[in-house]
Amino acid sequence: MSDTDSRLERIAFRPVEIERDLPHLLRWLADLDVRRWYDEGELTEANIGARFAPEATTRKYIIEIDGQGIGYIQVYRLADEEEYRRQVDVSPEAVAMDLLIGETEFRGKGWGTEVLRACLERLVFGEMEAPLAMIAPDPENARAVRSYEKAGFRPVKKVYVTDDDPGNTGWELVMLLEREEFF
């Protein structure tokens, strides 16, 4: 068994439970390194609880390594977010993902790449049977872009996205990965 295989086995995705996970989410989002790239507005229990509450169209998970919550990941079909999909101009069949590694000891050690691979295999290309995956980091987030490239994503274009929520407005680097390229 390779080191990559053993790392993948250590990764799990547990649906967010607001009461249980809110303290961790607040702490992670207060970290300046996370907040710079993943700003969810006011760091209050009410705001963060509402933003991370279950939604019909978005699957929200706590990333666990060896049972310890270390971050957050969400996946959603672009067909369910038509205005955003139109702006990024990507197939409605694509599944988009967003993630953050909240625990500092898991940053810069390749875990982000492994988390993406596990999510792609199990959820995006697995359960959701998507033909295409998309992730769209801030183009200035060089560490994330490198991690996503290592997971197989390729940069396609930069787009300026607008939203009623100022935290969701700005430049994004659209990165794609086709199912056939992954397996």
N, C-alpha and C. Protein backbone atom coordinates (compact mmCIF):
# COMPACT_ATOMS: atom_id res chain seq x y z
N MET A 1 0.85 -1.18 0.00
CA MET A 1 0.00 0.00 0.00
C MET A 1 0.89 1.24 0.00
N SER A 2 0.60 2.18 -0.90
CA SER A 2 1.41 3.39 -0.98
C SER A 2 1.03 4.35 0.15
N ASP A 3 1.90 5.34 0.36
CA ASP A 3 1.64 6.37 1.37
C ASP A 3 0.36 7.13 1.03
N THR A 4 0.14 7.39 -0.28
CA THR A 4 -1.07 8.09 -0.71
C THR A 4 -2.30 7.27 -0.38
N ASP A 5 -2.27 5.96 -0.65
CA ASP A 5 -3.41 5.10 -0.34
C ASP A 5 -3.70 5.10 1.16
N SER A 6 -2.66 5.01 1.98
CA SER A 6 -2.89 4.98 3.43
C SER A 6 -3.43 6.32 3.92
N ARG A 7 -3.00 7.42 3.31
CA ARG A 7 -3.53 8.73 3.70
C ARG A 7 -4.99 8.84 3.30
N LEU A 8 -5.34 8.36 2.11
CA LEU A 8 -6.74 8.44 1.65
C LEU A 8 -7.66 7.66 2.58
N GLU A 9 -7.20 6.54 3.10
CA GLU A 9 -8.01 5.73 4.01
C GLU A 9 -8.26 6.46 5.34
N ARG A 10 -7.43 7.39 5.68
CA ARG A 10 -7.55 8.11 6.95
C ARG A 10 -8.55 9.26 6.86
N ILE A 11 -8.98 9.60 5.64
CA ILE A 11 -9.87 10.75 5.40
C ILE A 11 -11.32 10.30 5.38
N ALA A 12 -12.17 11.05 6.08
CA ALA A 12 -13.61 10.78 6.07
C ALA A 12 -14.34 12.12 5.92
N PHE A 13 -15.57 12.03 5.42
CA PHE A 13 -16.43 13.20 5.27
C PHE A 13 -17.70 12.94 6.07
N ARG A 14 -17.92 13.79 7.08
CA ARG A 14 -19.08 13.66 7.95
C ARG A 14 -19.99 14.87 7.73
N PRO A 15 -21.29 14.65 7.49
CA PRO A 15 -22.18 15.80 7.31
C PRO A 15 -22.08 16.77 8.49
N VAL A 16 -22.10 18.06 8.18
CA VAL A 16 -22.03 19.09 9.21
C VAL A 16 -23.21 18.94 10.16
N GLU A 17 -22.91 19.01 11.45
CA GLU A 17 -23.92 19.06 12.51
C GLU A 17 -23.70 20.39 13.22
N ILE A 18 -24.57 21.36 12.99
CA ILE A 18 -24.33 22.72 13.46
C ILE A 18 -24.00 22.78 14.95
N GLU A 19 -24.78 22.17 15.80
CA GLU A 19 -24.52 22.26 17.24
C GLU A 19 -23.13 21.73 17.59
N ARG A 20 -22.75 20.63 16.98
CA ARG A 20 -21.46 20.00 17.26
C ARG A 20 -20.30 20.77 16.62
N ASP A 21 -20.51 21.26 15.40
CA ASP A 21 -19.40 21.79 14.60
C ASP A 21 -19.23 23.30 14.65
N LEU A 22 -20.22 24.02 15.15
CA LEU A 22 -20.15 25.48 15.14
C LEU A 22 -18.91 26.04 15.84
N PRO A 23 -18.50 25.53 17.00
CA PRO A 23 -17.28 26.06 17.62
C PRO A 23 -16.05 25.91 16.73
N HIS A 24 -15.93 24.77 16.05
CA HIS A 24 -14.78 24.56 15.16
C HIS A 24 -14.85 25.48 13.95
N LEU A 25 -16.03 25.59 13.35
CA LEU A 25 -16.18 26.47 12.18
C LEU A 25 -15.83 27.91 12.54
N LEU A 26 -16.31 28.38 13.68
CA LEU A 26 -16.00 29.75 14.11
C LEU A 26 -14.50 29.94 14.31
N ARG A 27 -13.85 28.97 14.92
CA ARG A 27 -12.41 29.06 15.16
C ARG A 27 -11.65 29.04 13.84
N TRP A 28 -12.02 28.12 12.94
CA TRP A 28 -11.33 28.03 11.66
C TRP A 28 -11.50 29.31 10.85
N LEU A 29 -12.72 29.83 10.81
CA LEU A 29 -13.00 31.02 10.01
C LEU A 29 -12.40 32.28 10.61
N ALA A 30 -12.06 32.25 11.90
CA ALA A 30 -11.41 33.39 12.53
C ALA A 30 -9.91 33.42 12.24
N ASP A 31 -9.35 32.30 11.81
CA ASP A 31 -7.92 32.23 11.47
C ASP A 31 -7.68 33.12 10.26
N LEU A 32 -6.75 34.05 10.37
CA LEU A 32 -6.52 35.02 9.30
C LEU A 32 -6.12 34.37 7.99
N ASP A 33 -5.38 33.26 8.04
CA ASP A 33 -4.98 32.57 6.82
C ASP A 33 -6.20 31.96 6.10
N VAL A 34 -7.17 31.48 6.87
CA VAL A 34 -8.39 30.94 6.28
C VAL A 34 -9.28 32.09 5.82
N ARG A 35 -9.47 33.06 6.69
CA ARG A 35 -10.40 34.17 6.41
C ARG A 35 -10.02 34.95 5.15
N ARG A 36 -8.75 35.03 4.88
CA ARG A 36 -8.30 35.76 3.68
C ARG A 36 -8.92 35.16 2.42
N TRP A 37 -9.09 33.84 2.41
CA TRP A 37 -9.58 33.16 1.22
C TRP A 37 -11.00 32.63 1.37
N TYR A 38 -11.51 32.53 2.57
CA TYR A 38 -12.82 31.93 2.82
C TYR A 38 -13.56 32.81 3.82
N ASP A 39 -14.04 33.95 3.36
CA ASP A 39 -14.71 34.93 4.23
C ASP A 39 -16.21 34.69 4.20
N GLU A 40 -16.77 34.35 5.33
CA GLU A 40 -18.20 34.10 5.43
C GLU A 40 -18.93 35.20 6.18
N GLY A 41 -18.33 36.38 6.26
CA GLY A 41 -19.00 37.50 6.92
C GLY A 41 -18.79 37.49 8.42
N GLU A 42 -19.78 38.03 9.13
CA GLU A 42 -19.68 38.16 10.58
C GLU A 42 -19.43 36.82 11.25
N LEU A 43 -18.46 36.82 12.14
CA LEU A 43 -18.14 35.59 12.88
C LEU A 43 -18.99 35.50 14.14
N THR A 44 -20.29 35.37 13.91
CA THR A 44 -21.23 35.18 15.00
C THR A 44 -21.85 33.80 14.87
N GLU A 45 -22.33 33.27 15.97
CA GLU A 45 -22.98 31.96 15.93
C GLU A 45 -24.18 32.00 14.99
N ALA A 46 -24.95 33.09 15.00
CA ALA A 46 -26.14 33.18 14.15
C ALA A 46 -25.75 33.16 12.67
N ASN A 47 -24.78 33.97 12.27
CA ASN A 47 -24.39 34.04 10.86
C ASN A 47 -23.76 32.74 10.38
N ILE A 48 -22.77 32.25 11.11
CA ILE A 48 -22.07 31.04 10.67
C ILE A 48 -23.00 29.83 10.76
N GLY A 49 -23.83 29.79 11.78
CA GLY A 49 -24.82 28.71 11.89
C GLY A 49 -25.75 28.68 10.68
N ALA A 50 -26.19 29.85 10.24
CA ALA A 50 -27.08 29.92 9.07
C ALA A 50 -26.35 29.55 7.79
N ARG A 51 -25.12 30.02 7.63
CA ARG A 51 -24.37 29.76 6.40
C ARG A 51 -23.98 28.29 6.22
N PHE A 52 -23.77 27.60 7.32
CA PHE A 52 -23.32 26.21 7.24
C PHE A 52 -24.45 25.21 7.56
N ALA A 53 -25.66 25.71 7.71
CA ALA A 53 -26.82 24.84 7.95
C ALA A 53 -27.10 24.02 6.69
N PRO A 54 -27.75 22.88 6.86
CA PRO A 54 -28.06 22.04 5.70
C PRO A 54 -28.87 22.81 4.65
N GLU A 55 -28.62 22.48 3.39
CA GLU A 55 -29.35 23.03 2.25
C GLU A 55 -29.71 21.87 1.34
N ALA A 56 -30.79 22.02 0.62
CA ALA A 56 -31.23 20.96 -0.28
C ALA A 56 -30.26 20.74 -1.42
N THR A 57 -29.59 21.80 -1.88
CA THR A 57 -28.77 21.68 -3.09
C THR A 57 -27.27 21.58 -2.84
N THR A 58 -26.84 21.70 -1.59
CA THR A 58 -25.40 21.67 -1.29
C THR A 58 -25.12 20.63 -0.21
N ARG A 59 -24.17 19.75 -0.50
CA ARG A 59 -23.73 18.77 0.50
C ARG A 59 -22.58 19.40 1.27
N LYS A 60 -22.72 19.49 2.60
CA LYS A 60 -21.74 20.15 3.45
C LYS A 60 -21.16 19.13 4.43
N TYR A 61 -19.82 19.08 4.46
CA TYR A 61 -19.15 18.06 5.28
C TYR A 61 -18.03 18.66 6.11
N ILE A 62 -17.81 18.04 7.25
CA ILE A 62 -16.60 18.26 8.03
C ILE A 62 -15.59 17.22 7.52
N ILE A 63 -14.40 17.68 7.21
CA ILE A 63 -13.31 16.78 6.79
C ILE A 63 -12.69 16.23 8.07
N GLU A 64 -12.60 14.91 8.15
CA GLU A 64 -11.97 14.28 9.30
C GLU A 64 -10.76 13.48 8.85
N ILE A 65 -9.72 13.57 9.63
CA ILE A 65 -8.55 12.72 9.45
C ILE A 65 -8.34 11.98 10.76
N ASP A 66 -8.38 10.67 10.68
CA ASP A 66 -8.28 9.82 11.87
C ASP A 66 -9.32 10.22 12.92
N GLY A 67 -10.52 10.62 12.46
CA GLY A 67 -11.60 10.97 13.37
C GLY A 67 -11.58 12.40 13.88
N GLN A 68 -10.55 13.15 13.57
CA GLN A 68 -10.44 14.54 14.02
C GLN A 68 -10.92 15.49 12.92
N GLY A 69 -11.83 16.40 13.26
CA GLY A 69 -12.28 17.40 12.31
C GLY A 69 -11.14 18.37 12.01
N ILE A 70 -10.80 18.51 10.73
CA ILE A 70 -9.67 19.38 10.36
C ILE A 70 -10.07 20.47 9.36
N GLY A 71 -11.30 20.40 8.85
CA GLY A 71 -11.71 21.39 7.87
C GLY A 71 -13.12 21.14 7.37
N TYR A 72 -13.45 21.85 6.31
CA TYR A 72 -14.80 21.85 5.76
C TYR A 72 -14.73 21.71 4.25
N ILE A 73 -15.69 20.98 3.67
CA ILE A 73 -15.80 20.87 2.21
C ILE A 73 -17.27 20.82 1.85
N GLN A 74 -17.60 21.47 0.73
CA GLN A 74 -18.96 21.38 0.23
C GLN A 74 -18.93 21.07 -1.26
N VAL A 75 -19.96 20.36 -1.72
CA VAL A 75 -20.08 20.02 -3.14
C VAL A 75 -21.51 20.31 -3.57
N TYR A 76 -21.66 20.78 -4.82
CA TYR A 76 -22.99 21.10 -5.33
C TYR A 76 -22.96 21.06 -6.86
N ARG A 77 -24.10 20.74 -7.41
CA ARG A 77 -24.25 20.69 -8.86
C ARG A 77 -24.41 22.12 -9.38
N LEU A 78 -23.65 22.45 -10.42
CA LEU A 78 -23.77 23.79 -11.00
C LEU A 78 -25.17 24.03 -11.55
N ALA A 79 -25.87 22.99 -11.97
CA ALA A 79 -27.24 23.14 -12.47
C ALA A 79 -28.15 23.75 -11.40
N ASP A 80 -27.81 23.56 -10.13
CA ASP A 80 -28.62 24.11 -9.04
C ASP A 80 -28.27 25.56 -8.70
N GLU A 81 -27.24 26.09 -9.31
CA GLU A 81 -26.79 27.46 -9.06
C GLU A 81 -26.68 28.18 -10.41
N GLU A 82 -27.81 28.36 -11.07
CA GLU A 82 -27.82 28.82 -12.47
C GLU A 82 -27.12 30.16 -12.68
N GLU A 83 -27.33 31.14 -11.82
CA GLU A 83 -26.69 32.44 -12.02
C GLU A 83 -25.17 32.31 -11.93
N TYR A 84 -24.69 31.59 -10.94
CA TYR A 84 -23.26 31.36 -10.79
C TYR A 84 -22.73 30.55 -11.98
N ARG A 85 -23.45 29.50 -12.37
CA ARG A 85 -23.04 28.68 -13.50
C ARG A 85 -22.91 29.51 -14.78
N ARG A 86 -23.85 30.41 -14.97
CA ARG A 86 -23.80 31.28 -16.15
C ARG A 86 -22.55 32.15 -16.12
N GLN A 87 -22.21 32.65 -14.96
CA GLN A 87 -21.04 33.52 -14.85
C GLN A 87 -19.73 32.79 -15.08
N VAL A 88 -19.62 31.57 -14.57
CA VAL A 88 -18.38 30.81 -14.77
C VAL A 88 -18.38 30.10 -16.12
N ASP A 89 -19.56 29.99 -16.74
CA ASP A 89 -19.72 29.40 -18.07
C ASP A 89 -19.12 27.99 -18.15
N VAL A 90 -19.64 27.13 -17.25
CA VAL A 90 -19.22 25.74 -17.19
C VAL A 90 -20.48 24.87 -17.31
N SER A 91 -20.33 23.68 -17.85
CA SER A 91 -21.45 22.77 -18.07
C SER A 91 -22.30 22.61 -16.81
N PRO A 92 -23.64 22.60 -16.96
CA PRO A 92 -24.50 22.39 -15.81
C PRO A 92 -24.35 20.98 -15.21
N GLU A 93 -23.71 20.07 -15.94
CA GLU A 93 -23.48 18.72 -15.41
C GLU A 93 -22.34 18.67 -14.40
N ALA A 94 -21.57 19.74 -14.33
CA ALA A 94 -20.41 19.77 -13.43
C ALA A 94 -20.84 19.85 -11.98
N VAL A 95 -19.99 19.31 -11.11
CA VAL A 95 -20.16 19.46 -9.67
C VAL A 95 -19.02 20.34 -9.18
N ALA A 96 -19.37 21.38 -8.45
CA ALA A 96 -18.38 22.31 -7.92
C ALA A 96 -18.08 21.97 -6.46
N MET A 97 -16.89 22.38 -6.03
CA MET A 97 -16.46 22.11 -4.67
C MET A 97 -15.76 23.32 -4.09
N ASP A 98 -15.86 23.47 -2.79
CA ASP A 98 -15.15 24.51 -2.03
C ASP A 98 -14.65 23.83 -0.76
N LEU A 99 -13.46 24.22 -0.32
CA LEU A 99 -12.97 23.62 0.91
C LEU A 99 -12.04 24.57 1.66
N LEU A 100 -11.87 24.26 2.91
CA LEU A 100 -10.88 24.94 3.74
C LEU A 100 -10.28 23.93 4.70
N ILE A 101 -8.99 24.08 4.93
CA ILE A 101 -8.31 23.28 5.96
C ILE A 101 -8.17 24.22 7.15
N GLY A 102 -8.89 23.92 8.21
CA GLY A 102 -8.95 24.81 9.35
C GLY A 102 -7.85 24.61 10.37
N GLU A 103 -7.43 23.39 10.54
CA GLU A 103 -6.40 23.09 11.55
C GLU A 103 -5.02 23.34 10.94
N THR A 104 -4.26 24.24 11.57
CA THR A 104 -2.98 24.68 11.01
C THR A 104 -1.99 23.54 10.81
N GLU A 105 -2.00 22.53 11.67
CA GLU A 105 -1.02 21.45 11.54
C GLU A 105 -1.27 20.57 10.31
N PHE A 106 -2.40 20.75 9.63
CA PHE A 106 -2.70 19.98 8.43
C PHE A 106 -2.51 20.79 7.15
N ARG A 107 -2.03 22.01 7.29
CA ARG A 107 -1.79 22.86 6.11
C ARG A 107 -0.35 22.71 5.65
N GLY A 108 -0.17 22.79 4.33
CA GLY A 108 1.18 22.75 3.76
C GLY A 108 1.85 21.39 3.82
N LYS A 109 1.05 20.34 4.04
CA LYS A 109 1.61 18.99 4.17
C LYS A 109 0.98 18.02 3.18
N GLY A 110 0.26 18.56 2.18
CA GLY A 110 -0.34 17.71 1.15
C GLY A 110 -1.73 17.19 1.47
N TRP A 111 -2.27 17.52 2.64
CA TRP A 111 -3.58 17.01 3.01
C TRP A 111 -4.68 17.59 2.13
N GLY A 112 -4.57 18.85 1.73
CA GLY A 112 -5.60 19.44 0.86
C GLY A 112 -5.75 18.67 -0.43
N THR A 113 -4.63 18.30 -1.03
CA THR A 113 -4.65 17.52 -2.26
C THR A 113 -5.29 16.16 -2.02
N GLU A 114 -4.93 15.50 -0.94
CA GLU A 114 -5.48 14.18 -0.64
C GLU A 114 -6.98 14.26 -0.32
N VAL A 115 -7.39 15.31 0.38
CA VAL A 115 -8.81 15.50 0.68
C VAL A 115 -9.59 15.65 -0.63
N LEU A 116 -9.04 16.45 -1.55
CA LEU A 116 -9.70 16.61 -2.85
C LEU A 116 -9.82 15.28 -3.58
N ARG A 117 -8.74 14.53 -3.62
CA ARG A 117 -8.78 13.23 -4.30
C ARG A 117 -9.83 12.31 -3.69
N ALA A 118 -9.90 12.28 -2.37
CA ALA A 118 -10.89 11.44 -1.71
C ALA A 118 -12.30 11.92 -2.02
N CYS A 119 -12.51 13.22 -2.01
CA CYS A 119 -13.83 13.78 -2.30
C CYS A 119 -14.23 13.50 -3.75
N LEU A 120 -13.29 13.66 -4.66
CA LEU A 120 -13.58 13.38 -6.06
C LEU A 120 -13.96 11.92 -6.26
N GLU A 121 -13.16 11.02 -5.69
CA GLU A 121 -13.40 9.59 -5.87
C GLU A 121 -14.71 9.14 -5.23
N ARG A 122 -14.94 9.54 -3.99
CA ARG A 122 -16.10 9.04 -3.26
C ARG A 122 -17.39 9.79 -3.56
N LEU A 123 -17.32 11.10 -3.64
CA LEU A 123 -18.53 11.90 -3.75
C LEU A 123 -18.80 12.40 -5.17
N VAL A 124 -17.91 13.22 -5.70
CA VAL A 124 -18.16 13.89 -6.97
C VAL A 124 -18.30 12.90 -8.12
N PHE A 125 -17.27 12.06 -8.33
CA PHE A 125 -17.31 11.08 -9.41
C PHE A 125 -17.95 9.78 -8.96
N GLY A 126 -18.02 9.57 -7.65
CA GLY A 126 -18.62 8.37 -7.08
C GLY A 126 -20.13 8.53 -6.93
N GLU A 127 -20.59 8.90 -5.74
CA GLU A 127 -22.02 9.01 -5.45
C GLU A 127 -22.78 9.91 -6.42
N MET A 128 -22.18 11.06 -6.77
CA MET A 128 -22.89 12.03 -7.61
C MET A 128 -22.74 11.75 -9.10
N GLU A 129 -21.83 10.85 -9.46
CA GLU A 129 -21.62 10.42 -10.85
C GLU A 129 -21.44 11.58 -11.81
N ALA A 130 -20.74 12.61 -11.39
CA ALA A 130 -20.53 13.78 -12.25
C ALA A 130 -19.51 13.47 -13.35
N PRO A 131 -19.72 14.01 -14.54
CA PRO A 131 -18.73 13.84 -15.60
C PRO A 131 -17.60 14.86 -15.51
N LEU A 132 -17.83 15.92 -14.71
CA LEU A 132 -16.89 17.04 -14.65
C LEU A 132 -16.91 17.65 -13.25
N ALA A 133 -15.73 17.96 -12.73
CA ALA A 133 -15.61 18.64 -11.43
C ALA A 133 -15.01 20.02 -11.65
N MET A 134 -15.45 20.97 -10.83
CA MET A 134 -14.94 22.33 -10.90
C MET A 134 -14.58 22.81 -9.50
N ILE A 135 -13.49 23.55 -9.43
CA ILE A 135 -13.14 24.27 -8.22
C ILE A 135 -12.65 25.63 -8.68
N ALA A 136 -12.94 26.67 -7.92
CA ALA A 136 -12.65 28.02 -8.41
C ALA A 136 -12.07 28.89 -7.29
N PRO A 137 -10.78 28.71 -7.00
CA PRO A 137 -10.15 29.52 -5.95
C PRO A 137 -9.89 30.95 -6.41
N ASP A 138 -9.58 31.79 -5.46
CA ASP A 138 -9.08 33.13 -5.78
C ASP A 138 -7.76 32.91 -6.53
N PRO A 139 -7.56 33.57 -7.67
CA PRO A 139 -6.33 33.36 -8.44
C PRO A 139 -5.06 33.70 -7.66
N GLU A 140 -5.17 34.53 -6.64
CA GLU A 140 -4.01 34.92 -5.83
C GLU A 140 -3.65 33.87 -4.77
N ASN A 141 -4.51 32.89 -4.57
CA ASN A 141 -4.28 31.86 -3.55
C ASN A 141 -3.38 30.76 -4.15
N ALA A 142 -2.11 31.08 -4.27
CA ALA A 142 -1.15 30.19 -4.94
C ALA A 142 -1.07 28.81 -4.29
N ARG A 143 -1.13 28.73 -2.97
CA ARG A 143 -1.04 27.44 -2.29
C ARG A 143 -2.21 26.54 -2.67
N ALA A 144 -3.42 27.12 -2.72
CA ALA A 144 -4.59 26.33 -3.12
C ALA A 144 -4.49 25.91 -4.58
N VAL A 145 -4.11 26.82 -5.45
CA VAL A 145 -4.01 26.50 -6.87
C VAL A 145 -3.03 25.34 -7.09
N ARG A 146 -1.88 25.38 -6.43
CA ARG A 146 -0.90 24.29 -6.55
C ARG A 146 -1.49 22.97 -6.06
N SER A 147 -2.20 23.02 -4.94
CA SER A 147 -2.80 21.81 -4.38
C SER A 147 -3.83 21.23 -5.35
N TYR A 148 -4.64 22.08 -5.93
CA TYR A 148 -5.69 21.63 -6.85
C TYR A 148 -5.08 21.06 -8.12
N GLU A 149 -4.00 21.66 -8.59
CA GLU A 149 -3.30 21.12 -9.76
C GLU A 149 -2.74 19.73 -9.46
N LYS A 150 -2.19 19.54 -8.25
CA LYS A 150 -1.66 18.23 -7.87
C LYS A 150 -2.76 17.17 -7.81
N ALA A 151 -3.99 17.61 -7.51
CA ALA A 151 -5.13 16.69 -7.48
C ALA A 151 -5.65 16.38 -8.88
N GLY A 152 -5.14 17.12 -9.89
CA GLY A 152 -5.54 16.85 -11.28
C GLY A 152 -6.29 17.96 -11.97
N PHE A 153 -6.70 18.98 -11.23
CA PHE A 153 -7.42 20.10 -11.85
C PHE A 153 -6.48 20.90 -12.74
N ARG A 154 -7.04 21.45 -13.82
CA ARG A 154 -6.27 22.32 -14.70
C ARG A 154 -6.95 23.68 -14.76
N PRO A 155 -6.16 24.75 -14.67
CA PRO A 155 -6.74 26.10 -14.77
C PRO A 155 -7.26 26.33 -16.18
N VAL A 156 -8.45 26.92 -16.28
CA VAL A 156 -9.07 27.15 -17.57
C VAL A 156 -9.19 28.64 -17.89
N LYS A 157 -9.66 29.42 -16.91
CA LYS A 157 -9.86 30.85 -17.14
C LYS A 157 -10.11 31.57 -15.82
N LYS A 158 -9.85 32.87 -15.84
CA LYS A 158 -10.21 33.73 -14.72
C LYS A 158 -11.51 34.42 -15.07
N VAL A 159 -12.42 34.47 -14.10
CA VAL A 159 -13.70 35.15 -14.29
C VAL A 159 -13.98 36.03 -13.08
N TYR A 160 -14.69 37.12 -13.33
CA TYR A 160 -15.13 37.98 -12.24
C TYR A 160 -16.57 37.64 -11.95
N VAL A 161 -16.84 37.16 -10.73
CA VAL A 161 -18.17 36.72 -10.33
C VAL A 161 -18.79 37.77 -9.42
N THR A 162 -20.07 38.06 -9.68
CA THR A 162 -20.79 39.00 -8.82
C THR A 162 -21.90 38.25 -8.10
N ASP A 163 -22.24 38.75 -6.91
CA ASP A 163 -23.26 38.11 -6.09
C ASP A 163 -23.83 39.17 -5.16
N ASP A 164 -25.04 38.94 -4.67
CA ASP A 164 -25.63 39.84 -3.68
C ASP A 164 -24.79 39.89 -2.41
N ASP A 165 -24.10 38.78 -2.13
CA ASP A 165 -23.22 38.68 -0.97
C ASP A 165 -21.83 39.15 -1.38
N PRO A 166 -21.34 40.26 -0.83
CA PRO A 166 -20.01 40.76 -1.22
C PRO A 166 -18.89 39.74 -1.01
N GLY A 167 -19.06 38.83 -0.06
CA GLY A 167 -18.05 37.80 0.18
C GLY A 167 -17.94 36.80 -0.97
N ASN A 168 -18.96 36.75 -1.82
CA ASN A 168 -18.95 35.85 -2.97
C ASN A 168 -18.71 36.59 -4.28
N THR A 169 -18.25 37.82 -4.19
CA THR A 169 -17.97 38.63 -5.38
C THR A 169 -16.46 38.78 -5.52
N GLY A 170 -15.95 38.58 -6.73
CA GLY A 170 -14.52 38.76 -6.97
C GLY A 170 -14.01 37.84 -8.05
N TRP A 171 -12.71 37.89 -8.24
CA TRP A 171 -12.06 37.06 -9.26
C TRP A 171 -11.96 35.62 -8.80
N GLU A 172 -12.20 34.69 -9.73
CA GLU A 172 -12.05 33.27 -9.47
C GLU A 172 -11.27 32.65 -10.62
N LEU A 173 -10.45 31.67 -10.29
CA LEU A 173 -9.74 30.89 -11.30
C LEU A 173 -10.51 29.59 -11.48
N VAL A 174 -11.20 29.47 -12.60
CA VAL A 174 -11.98 28.27 -12.87
C VAL A 174 -11.01 27.15 -13.23
N MET A 175 -11.09 26.05 -12.46
CA MET A 175 -10.24 24.89 -12.67
C MET A 175 -11.16 23.69 -12.85
N LEU A 176 -10.87 22.88 -13.86
CA LEU A 176 -11.73 21.75 -14.19
C LEU A 176 -10.96 20.44 -14.17
N LEU A 177 -11.72 19.36 -13.94
CA LEU A 177 -11.17 18.01 -14.00
C LEU A 177 -12.27 17.09 -14.52
N GLU A 178 -12.01 16.45 -15.64
CA GLU A 178 -12.98 15.50 -16.20
C GLU A 178 -12.82 14.14 -15.55
N ARG A 179 -13.92 13.46 -15.42
CA ARG A 179 -13.94 12.13 -14.80
C ARG A 179 -12.89 11.20 -15.43
N GLU A 180 -12.81 11.21 -16.77
CA GLU A 180 -11.86 10.33 -17.48
C GLU A 180 -10.41 10.68 -17.16
N GLU A 181 -10.15 11.94 -16.85
CA GLU A 181 -8.78 12.35 -16.51
C GLU A 181 -8.40 11.89 -15.11
N PHE A 182 -9.41 11.68 -14.28
CA PHE A 182 -9.15 11.33 -12.88
C PHE A 182 -8.87 9.84 -12.71
N PHE A 183 -9.66 9.01 -13.37
CA PHE A 183 -9.54 7.56 -13.18
C PHE A 183 -8.58 6.94 -14.16
